[in-house]
Amino acid sequence: MITQIPQTPTLEELVQEINRFEAIISEWDESQRCVAVGLKRAIEALHKAALTNLIKNLKQESMSALRHAVADELVYAVLLYHDLVKPPTPPLLERIQIALEEVRPGLKSHNGDVELVAIKPPDIVEVKLIGTCSSCPASTLTLSQGIEQAIKKHCPEITQVVAVNNSPVVNPTNSSVISPFSSTIETYWVKVATVNEVTESSVLAVQIADKSLILYRQGDNITCYRNACTHLGYPLDRGKVENAILTCPVHEFQYNLETGECLTAPEVFLQLYEVRIKSDNVFVKMQN
């Protein structure tokens, strides 16, 4: 007489059966669910303890048989569920691409992007910032707090993330940075407002030719900055001012209006204009 060995259910079939019972239990009242969940946890704890002891008691020469058994998807799934095996680590390249995909939506919201340039073993990754992110004064912050953190989270073996070809590009015909050694600089003073027009602890936007400026008043002191966020150049005059801190209304970069320092990216500052007050009138020094 031949005994027929029952066919072993597949992993998918077994998981579907578990899901079916869990769906039924989810309709029970809370006290009944607690009993079912408690029973489930007790059985799982028993299975994990038994499997752990089994693995510990295997002789060294039997380890190859265990590795062979783990190749079975049912055995692997159960051991993985009980944290008795580690999932395979994806290749380094794949993990870096996963990290870049995580930060890409944020970069694209700023009209930027990032691409992988090279992996230099054992621990260096080179990337390239693209679009507005490549010339943004806060690109160092973008690299260190965004891209670098994401890569190191997925790839702990990487210790350095380097941006290549990331020098800010300055348009020589429309630059807010002027060399102090230029012999063509001409300066002049322009009346922009009266003292009373600049409300205490707030900003006032003024337009001088093609330049938009903001004035900030704290007591008797008035400072003037270019009305443009150092990140992507959006106007700042509609931003919220609180305790001398101005927050960009678009991407929430913050600035200390007493110093012009960007608190979000401390290495950059708002462009400062010299101010003079005469007979309750506010004058700003401009350059040709």
Protein backbone atom coordinates (compact mmCIF):
# COMPACT_ATOMS: atom_id res chain seq x y z
CA MET A 1 0.00 0.00 0.00
CA ILE A 2 1.41 3.33 -1.06
CA THR A 3 0.83 6.26 1.29
CA GLN A 4 0.35 9.52 -0.58
CA ILE A 5 2.23 12.42 0.95
CA PRO A 6 -0.06 15.45 1.25
CA GLN A 7 1.01 18.38 -0.89
CA THR A 8 2.59 21.17 1.15
CA PRO A 9 0.70 24.46 0.82
CA THR A 10 2.61 27.28 -0.78
CA LEU A 11 3.76 30.33 1.15
CA GLU A 12 1.18 32.45 -0.65
CA GLU A 13 -1.65 30.08 0.28
CA LEU A 14 -0.61 29.99 3.93
CA VAL A 15 -0.35 33.79 4.14
CA GLN A 16 -3.79 34.15 2.54
CA GLU A 17 -5.21 31.78 5.17
CA ILE A 18 -3.64 33.82 7.99
CA ASN A 19 -5.01 37.04 6.47
CA ARG A 20 -8.48 35.49 6.23
CA PHE A 21 -8.55 34.66 9.94
CA GLU A 22 -7.13 38.07 10.88
CA ALA A 23 -9.91 39.74 8.88
CA ILE A 24 -12.50 37.72 10.81
CA ILE A 25 -10.90 38.55 14.17
CA SER A 26 -10.82 42.24 13.31
CA GLU A 27 -14.64 42.21 13.38
CA TRP A 28 -14.77 40.87 16.95
CA ASP A 29 -15.16 43.11 19.98
CA GLU A 30 -12.04 44.35 21.75
CA SER A 31 -12.00 41.79 24.56
CA GLN A 32 -12.24 38.90 22.09
CA ARG A 33 -9.53 40.41 19.87
CA CYS A 34 -7.21 40.75 22.86
CA VAL A 35 -7.58 37.04 23.64
CA ALA A 36 -6.89 36.04 20.02
CA VAL A 37 -3.88 38.36 19.77
CA GLY A 38 -2.54 37.06 23.09
CA LEU A 39 -2.85 33.47 21.89
CA LYS A 40 -1.12 34.36 18.62
CA ARG A 41 1.80 36.02 20.43
CA ALA A 42 2.19 33.07 22.82
CA ILE A 43 2.32 30.57 19.95
CA GLU A 44 4.80 32.77 18.05
CA ALA A 45 7.01 33.07 21.14
CA LEU A 46 6.98 29.28 21.54
CA HIS A 47 7.94 28.77 17.89
CA LYS A 48 10.70 31.36 18.04
CA ALA A 49 12.20 29.87 21.20
CA ALA A 50 12.14 26.37 19.67
CA LEU A 51 13.71 27.52 16.42
CA THR A 52 16.36 29.52 18.28
CA ASN A 53 17.34 26.52 20.39
CA LEU A 54 17.38 24.30 17.31
CA ILE A 55 19.79 26.61 15.50
CA LYS A 56 22.00 27.00 18.58
CA ASN A 57 22.28 23.23 19.04
CA LEU A 58 23.21 22.47 15.46
CA LYS A 59 26.75 21.21 15.14
CA GLN A 60 29.13 23.17 12.96
CA GLU A 61 29.14 20.47 10.30
CA SER A 62 25.34 20.76 10.04
CA MET A 63 25.41 24.48 9.21
CA SER A 64 25.59 23.79 5.49
CA ALA A 65 22.34 21.80 5.78
CA LEU A 66 20.75 24.76 7.59
CA ARG A 67 21.85 27.16 4.85
CA HIS A 68 20.37 24.77 2.31
CA ALA A 69 17.09 24.63 4.26
CA VAL A 70 16.89 28.44 4.42
CA ALA A 71 16.82 28.47 0.62
CA ASP A 72 13.28 27.12 0.89
CA GLU A 73 10.90 30.11 0.80
CA LEU A 74 8.69 28.76 3.60
CA VAL A 75 11.62 28.16 5.96
CA TYR A 76 13.15 31.52 5.07
CA ALA A 77 9.85 33.39 5.56
CA VAL A 78 9.30 31.93 9.04
CA LEU A 79 12.90 32.53 10.16
CA LEU A 80 12.78 36.07 8.78
CA TYR A 81 9.48 36.74 10.58
CA HIS A 82 11.13 35.72 13.87
CA ASP A 83 14.27 37.80 13.13
CA LEU A 84 16.41 34.65 13.02
CA VAL A 85 17.89 35.46 9.62
CA LYS A 86 18.83 38.76 8.07
CA PRO A 87 17.36 39.84 4.74
CA PRO A 88 19.97 39.98 1.97
CA THR A 89 21.67 43.36 1.65
CA PRO A 90 21.08 44.90 -1.79
CA PRO A 91 24.20 45.90 -3.76
CA LEU A 92 25.76 49.25 -2.86
CA LEU A 93 24.71 50.87 -6.14
CA GLU A 94 21.09 49.89 -5.61
CA ARG A 95 21.07 51.27 -2.06
CA ILE A 96 22.56 54.58 -3.20
CA GLN A 97 19.88 54.91 -5.89
CA ILE A 98 17.21 54.21 -3.26
CA ALA A 99 18.68 57.00 -1.09
CA LEU A 100 18.72 59.47 -3.98
CA GLU A 101 15.12 58.61 -4.84
CA GLU A 102 14.16 59.53 -1.27
CA VAL A 103 15.54 63.07 -1.53
CA ARG A 104 14.66 63.65 -5.19
CA PRO A 105 11.07 64.90 -4.60
CA GLY A 106 12.34 67.61 -2.25
CA LEU A 107 15.00 68.70 -4.72
CA LYS A 108 12.52 68.75 -7.61
CA SER A 109 10.19 70.99 -5.60
CA HIS A 110 13.06 73.52 -5.77
CA ASN A 111 13.55 72.88 -9.51
CA GLY A 112 16.67 70.83 -8.82
CA ASP A 113 17.87 67.25 -8.90
CA VAL A 114 20.85 65.04 -8.09
CA GLU A 115 22.67 62.33 -9.99
CA LEU A 116 25.27 59.77 -9.00
CA VAL A 117 28.68 60.45 -10.53
CA ALA A 118 30.94 57.76 -9.07
CA ILE A 119 31.49 55.29 -6.26
CA LYS A 120 35.09 55.33 -5.03
CA PRO A 121 35.79 52.34 -2.78
CA PRO A 122 35.89 51.86 0.04
CA ASP A 123 33.81 54.74 1.41
CA ILE A 124 33.37 57.70 -0.98
CA VAL A 125 30.41 58.62 -3.18
CA GLU A 126 30.46 61.49 -5.65
CA VAL A 127 27.21 63.18 -6.68
CA LYS A 128 26.28 66.12 -8.86
CA LEU A 129 23.62 68.69 -8.01
CA ILE A 130 21.54 69.74 -11.02
CA GLY A 131 19.35 72.73 -11.81
CA THR A 132 18.81 75.48 -9.25
CA CYS A 133 20.33 73.30 -6.51
CA SER A 134 23.72 73.48 -8.25
CA SER A 135 24.04 77.26 -7.91
CA CYS A 136 22.01 77.81 -4.76
CA PRO A 137 24.03 79.40 -1.91
CA ALA A 138 22.50 76.77 0.38
CA SER A 139 23.76 73.86 -1.72
CA THR A 140 26.16 72.84 1.06
CA LEU A 141 23.19 72.47 3.41
CA THR A 142 21.29 70.49 0.76
CA LEU A 143 24.24 68.12 0.43
CA SER A 144 24.99 67.59 4.13
CA GLN A 145 21.49 67.53 5.65
CA GLY A 146 19.64 65.93 2.76
CA ILE A 147 21.63 63.85 0.32
CA GLU A 148 24.49 62.82 2.61
CA GLN A 149 22.19 61.76 5.45
CA ALA A 150 20.03 59.68 3.10
CA ILE A 151 23.03 57.90 1.59
CA LYS A 152 24.62 57.16 4.97
CA LYS A 153 21.29 55.83 6.28
CA HIS A 154 21.12 53.23 3.52
CA CYS A 155 24.87 52.74 3.15
CA PRO A 156 26.60 52.92 6.56
CA GLU A 157 29.87 51.90 4.93
CA ILE A 158 29.96 55.28 3.12
CA THR A 159 31.71 57.98 5.16
CA GLN A 160 32.09 60.77 2.56
CA VAL A 161 29.62 62.22 0.08
CA VAL A 162 31.27 64.72 -2.25
CA ALA A 163 29.58 67.12 -4.67
CA VAL A 164 31.48 67.57 -7.94
CA ASN A 165 31.18 70.45 -10.41
CA ASN A 166 29.13 72.31 -7.85
CA SER A 167 30.67 75.78 -7.99
CA PRO A 168 28.00 78.48 -7.90
CA VAL A 169 27.66 80.15 -11.29
CA VAL A 170 27.55 83.94 -11.18
CA ASN A 171 26.15 85.88 -14.11
CA PRO A 172 28.66 88.70 -14.64
CA THR A 173 26.02 90.91 -16.24
CA ASN A 174 23.53 90.58 -13.40
CA SER A 175 25.41 89.82 -10.21
CA SER A 176 24.70 91.09 -6.71
CA VAL A 177 28.35 90.48 -5.83
CA ILE A 178 30.72 93.27 -6.87
CA SER A 179 34.46 93.13 -6.48
CA PRO A 180 35.77 95.67 -3.93
CA PHE A 181 38.71 96.27 -6.28
CA SER A 182 36.55 97.37 -9.19
CA SER A 183 37.45 100.84 -10.47
CA THR A 184 34.04 101.33 -12.09
CA ILE A 185 31.94 101.43 -8.89
CA GLU A 186 29.89 104.59 -8.43
CA THR A 187 27.79 105.08 -5.30
CA TYR A 188 24.92 107.42 -4.50
CA TRP A 189 22.28 107.84 -1.79
CA VAL A 190 18.57 107.44 -2.47
CA LYS A 191 15.67 108.36 -0.23
CA VAL A 192 13.50 105.24 0.13
CA ALA A 193 11.09 106.05 2.97
CA THR A 194 10.45 108.08 6.10
CA VAL A 195 11.20 106.66 9.52
CA ASN A 196 7.49 106.53 10.40
CA GLU A 197 6.76 104.44 7.31
CA VAL A 198 8.99 101.66 8.62
CA THR A 199 6.85 99.96 11.25
CA GLU A 200 8.56 98.67 14.39
CA SER A 201 9.57 94.97 14.24
CA SER A 202 8.32 94.45 10.69
CA VAL A 203 9.64 94.82 7.15
CA LEU A 204 8.77 97.37 4.50
CA ALA A 205 9.35 96.58 0.82
CA VAL A 206 10.63 99.40 -1.39
CA GLN A 207 11.53 99.46 -5.07
CA ILE A 208 14.56 101.40 -6.35
CA ALA A 209 14.82 101.16 -10.13
CA ASP A 210 15.17 97.42 -10.81
CA LYS A 211 16.11 96.55 -7.21
CA SER A 212 13.61 95.38 -4.60
CA LEU A 213 14.69 96.04 -1.00
CA ILE A 214 13.30 95.45 2.48
CA LEU A 215 13.72 97.77 5.46
CA TYR A 216 13.61 96.48 9.03
CA ARG A 217 13.26 98.67 12.09
CA GLN A 218 14.22 97.74 15.64
CA GLY A 219 13.98 100.78 17.92
CA ASP A 220 15.99 103.59 16.36
CA ASN A 221 17.97 101.22 14.17
CA ILE A 222 16.94 100.55 10.56
CA THR A 223 18.62 97.98 8.35
CA CYS A 224 18.17 97.33 4.64
CA TYR A 225 18.55 94.09 2.70
CA ARG A 226 17.91 92.88 -0.81
CA ASN A 227 14.35 91.54 -1.00
CA ALA A 228 15.37 88.07 -2.16
CA CYS A 229 15.78 84.76 -0.36
CA THR A 230 19.32 83.43 -0.75
CA HIS A 231 17.87 80.04 -1.70
CA LEU A 232 15.93 80.67 -4.91
CA GLY A 233 15.51 84.44 -4.88
CA TYR A 234 11.84 84.58 -3.86
CA PRO A 235 10.69 87.91 -2.29
CA LEU A 236 10.84 88.01 1.49
CA ASP A 237 8.57 90.97 2.30
CA ARG A 238 5.49 88.77 2.80
CA GLY A 239 7.28 86.50 5.22
CA LYS A 240 6.47 86.33 8.91
CA VAL A 241 8.66 88.33 11.31
CA GLU A 242 8.95 87.11 14.89
CA ASN A 243 11.64 88.10 17.41
CA ALA A 244 13.73 89.65 14.61
CA ILE A 245 13.58 86.38 12.63
CA LEU A 246 12.15 86.58 9.11
CA THR A 247 10.82 83.37 7.54
CA CYS A 248 10.72 83.05 3.76
CA PRO A 249 7.05 82.53 2.78
CA VAL A 250 7.93 79.98 0.06
CA HIS A 251 10.48 77.50 1.44
CA GLU A 252 10.68 78.73 5.06
CA PHE A 253 14.36 79.68 5.09
CA GLN A 254 14.91 81.87 8.17
CA TYR A 255 17.01 85.02 8.56
CA ASN A 256 18.20 87.08 11.50
CA LEU A 257 17.21 90.60 10.48
CA GLU A 258 19.68 92.16 12.90
CA THR A 259 22.66 90.56 11.14
CA GLY A 260 21.31 89.27 7.81
CA GLU A 261 22.52 85.76 8.62
CA CYS A 262 20.58 82.83 7.19
CA LEU A 263 19.78 80.55 10.13
CA THR A 264 18.84 77.68 7.83
CA ALA A 265 22.15 77.85 5.97
CA PRO A 266 24.55 79.75 8.27
CA GLU A 267 27.21 80.12 5.59
CA VAL A 268 25.11 82.62 3.60
CA PHE A 269 23.81 86.13 4.34
CA LEU A 270 21.25 88.51 2.90
CA GLN A 271 22.82 91.28 0.81
CA LEU A 272 23.13 94.30 3.09
CA TYR A 273 22.73 97.93 2.02
CA GLU A 274 24.12 100.84 4.01
CA VAL A 275 21.45 103.04 5.60
CA ARG A 276 21.57 106.70 6.66
CA ILE A 277 18.82 108.62 8.47
CA LYS A 278 18.54 112.37 7.98
CA SER A 279 15.64 114.57 9.09
CA ASP A 280 13.42 111.50 9.62
CA ASN A 281 14.10 110.35 6.09
CA VAL A 282 15.69 106.98 5.33
CA PHE A 283 18.41 106.93 2.65
CA VAL A 284 20.02 103.83 1.19
CA LYS A 285 23.44 103.71 -0.46
CA MET A 286 23.24 102.29 -3.98
CA GLN A 287 25.85 101.32 -6.54
CA ASN A 288 25.93 101.64 -10.31
